[in-house]
Structures are given as structure tokens and as C-alpha cells.
Amino acid sequence: MNADPARRPWQLGAAPALGCPGGRLACILAPRGDLSQLYVKNQTLHGVFLTREGARLREMTPLLERGLASPPIAGVLPLEQVAEAHRRLDSGHGAGKLILAIAKG
């Protein structure tokens, strides 16, 4: 979603046109604007509800630090393979998180 420079409500803007057919878009605010391109390209719009999770993170920290819990990781790819990461996500692999490694430098 694109923020309007005049600070008007968030607009979908060019996001549907830039996405691939059958693609997915996510937003954290209620979308405004023309949603018809979502239908034309068979795209899905997901609303993401963000909450403060400080208490939950504090509870999980000791488990993570002691190695008693860990997120499932499906793979680590270099940033240059971001297209491959998107291909895997679009395939619905669902077997863990994909990590993009950014070279230090």
C-alpha cells in the first residue's frame, strides 16, 4: 500500500497492478480505493492485525535461549535469490520459515 503524500487515508495505489496473477497482498490498515483489479488478476488481499506481544515474547525468551523451542526453518537463501524465495512461498510450501541472508559488508 502506498501512503499519500498529503497524508490522506492509505490507498491500494498501484499494488494490485504490480502483483502477479493469483498473487497475495497484505495490509495492516483498512484498504481504500479501487479494489476491482484484485478480481481481474485473481489476487487475494489479506488483512493483518498487529498487536503488542511483549508479554508473550518475555514468556518465550527463556525457552528460546535454552533451546527448548525454536521456529521451524525451511531454508536459508542469499538475498540474491529473493525470486526463488517468492516462488517457494507462492507454491504454498508451508513447511517452515524461509530466511533471506543479507551479506555483511
Protein backbone atom coordinates (compact mmCIF):
# COMPACT_ATOMS: atom_id res chain seq x y z
CA MET A 1 0.00 0.00 0.00
CA ASN A 2 1.18 3.49 -0.67
CA ALA A 3 0.92 6.42 1.72
CA ASP A 4 -0.45 9.52 0.08
CA PRO A 5 2.00 12.43 0.46
CA ALA A 6 -0.90 14.64 1.54
CA ARG A 7 -1.45 12.26 4.50
CA ARG A 8 -4.84 11.12 3.27
CA PRO A 9 -6.01 7.59 4.17
CA TRP A 10 -3.95 4.69 2.84
CA GLN A 11 -4.67 3.74 -0.73
CA LEU A 12 -4.01 0.48 -2.52
CA GLY A 13 -2.47 2.54 -5.29
CA ALA A 14 -0.59 0.51 -7.90
CA ALA A 15 -0.13 -2.55 -5.67
CA PRO A 16 -2.66 -4.82 -7.49
CA ALA A 17 -1.30 -3.84 -10.91
CA LEU A 18 2.26 -4.64 -9.80
CA GLY A 19 1.34 -8.03 -8.34
CA CYS A 20 1.25 -11.24 -10.32
CA PRO A 21 -1.98 -13.03 -11.29
CA GLY A 22 -3.13 -15.14 -8.35
CA GLY A 23 -0.81 -13.18 -6.04
CA ARG A 24 -1.35 -12.09 -2.45
CA LEU A 25 -1.29 -8.62 -0.92
CA ALA A 26 -1.31 -7.80 2.77
CA CYS A 27 -2.19 -4.61 4.58
CA ILE A 28 -2.26 -3.53 8.20
CA LEU A 29 -4.89 -0.82 7.69
CA ALA A 30 -8.34 -0.97 6.14
CA PRO A 31 -7.83 -0.61 2.37
CA ARG A 32 -9.34 2.29 0.49
CA GLY A 33 -9.59 2.86 -3.20
CA ASP A 34 -10.48 0.74 -6.22
CA LEU A 35 -10.29 -2.97 -5.40
CA SER A 36 -11.51 -4.15 -8.81
CA GLN A 37 -8.00 -5.02 -10.02
CA LEU A 38 -7.87 -7.71 -7.33
CA TYR A 39 -10.73 -9.51 -9.11
CA VAL A 40 -9.27 -9.03 -12.58
CA LYS A 41 -5.95 -10.62 -11.55
CA ASN A 42 -7.48 -13.15 -9.10
CA GLN A 43 -5.44 -11.70 -6.24
CA THR A 44 -6.10 -12.14 -2.53
CA LEU A 45 -5.99 -9.26 -0.07
CA HIS A 46 -5.10 -10.24 3.50
CA GLY A 47 -5.71 -8.02 6.49
CA VAL A 48 -3.01 -8.31 9.13
CA PHE A 49 -3.92 -7.45 12.70
CA LEU A 50 -0.91 -6.27 14.69
CA THR A 51 -0.89 -6.43 18.46
CA ARG A 52 1.68 -5.76 21.12
CA GLU A 53 3.10 -9.10 22.14
CA GLY A 54 5.64 -8.05 24.80
CA ALA A 55 4.28 -10.36 27.49
CA ARG A 56 4.26 -13.36 25.17
CA LEU A 57 7.80 -12.61 23.98
CA ARG A 58 9.02 -12.34 27.58
CA GLU A 59 7.50 -15.75 28.32
CA MET A 60 9.09 -17.32 25.25
CA THR A 61 12.57 -15.82 25.67
CA PRO A 62 13.83 -18.34 28.29
CA LEU A 63 12.58 -21.25 26.16
CA LEU A 64 14.33 -19.93 23.08
CA GLU A 65 17.55 -19.17 24.97
CA ARG A 66 17.69 -22.70 26.44
CA GLY A 67 16.95 -24.28 23.06
CA LEU A 68 13.64 -25.75 24.26
CA ALA A 69 11.72 -24.02 21.48
CA SER A 70 12.68 -22.88 18.01
CA PRO A 71 10.86 -21.71 14.90
CA PRO A 72 10.67 -24.24 12.07
CA ILE A 73 13.09 -23.16 9.33
CA ALA A 74 12.50 -24.45 5.81
CA GLY A 75 15.66 -22.91 4.39
CA VAL A 76 18.13 -20.06 4.20
CA LEU A 77 18.68 -18.30 0.89
CA PRO A 78 21.03 -15.45 -0.01
CA LEU A 79 19.27 -12.16 -0.69
CA GLU A 80 20.15 -12.54 -4.38
CA GLN A 81 17.72 -15.50 -4.50
CA VAL A 82 14.70 -13.47 -3.36
CA ALA A 83 12.82 -14.56 -6.51
CA GLU A 84 13.30 -18.21 -5.51
CA ALA A 85 12.04 -17.41 -2.00
CA HIS A 86 8.91 -15.87 -3.51
CA ARG A 87 8.45 -18.89 -5.78
CA ARG A 88 8.59 -21.21 -2.76
CA LEU A 89 6.18 -19.06 -0.78
CA ASP A 90 3.77 -18.86 -3.71
CA SER A 91 3.86 -22.66 -4.04
CA GLY A 92 2.36 -22.91 -0.54
CA HIS A 93 5.30 -24.92 0.79
CA GLY A 94 4.09 -24.40 4.39
CA ALA A 95 6.99 -26.30 5.94
CA GLY A 96 8.59 -23.53 7.98
CA LYS A 97 10.09 -20.09 7.63
CA LEU A 98 12.31 -19.02 4.76
CA ILE A 99 15.20 -16.80 5.79
CA LEU A 100 16.89 -14.33 3.44
CA ALA A 101 20.53 -13.93 4.42
CA ILE A 102 21.99 -10.45 3.94
CA ALA A 103 25.75 -10.36 3.44
CA LYS A 104 27.64 -8.17 5.85
CA GLY A 105 29.74 -5.66 4.21
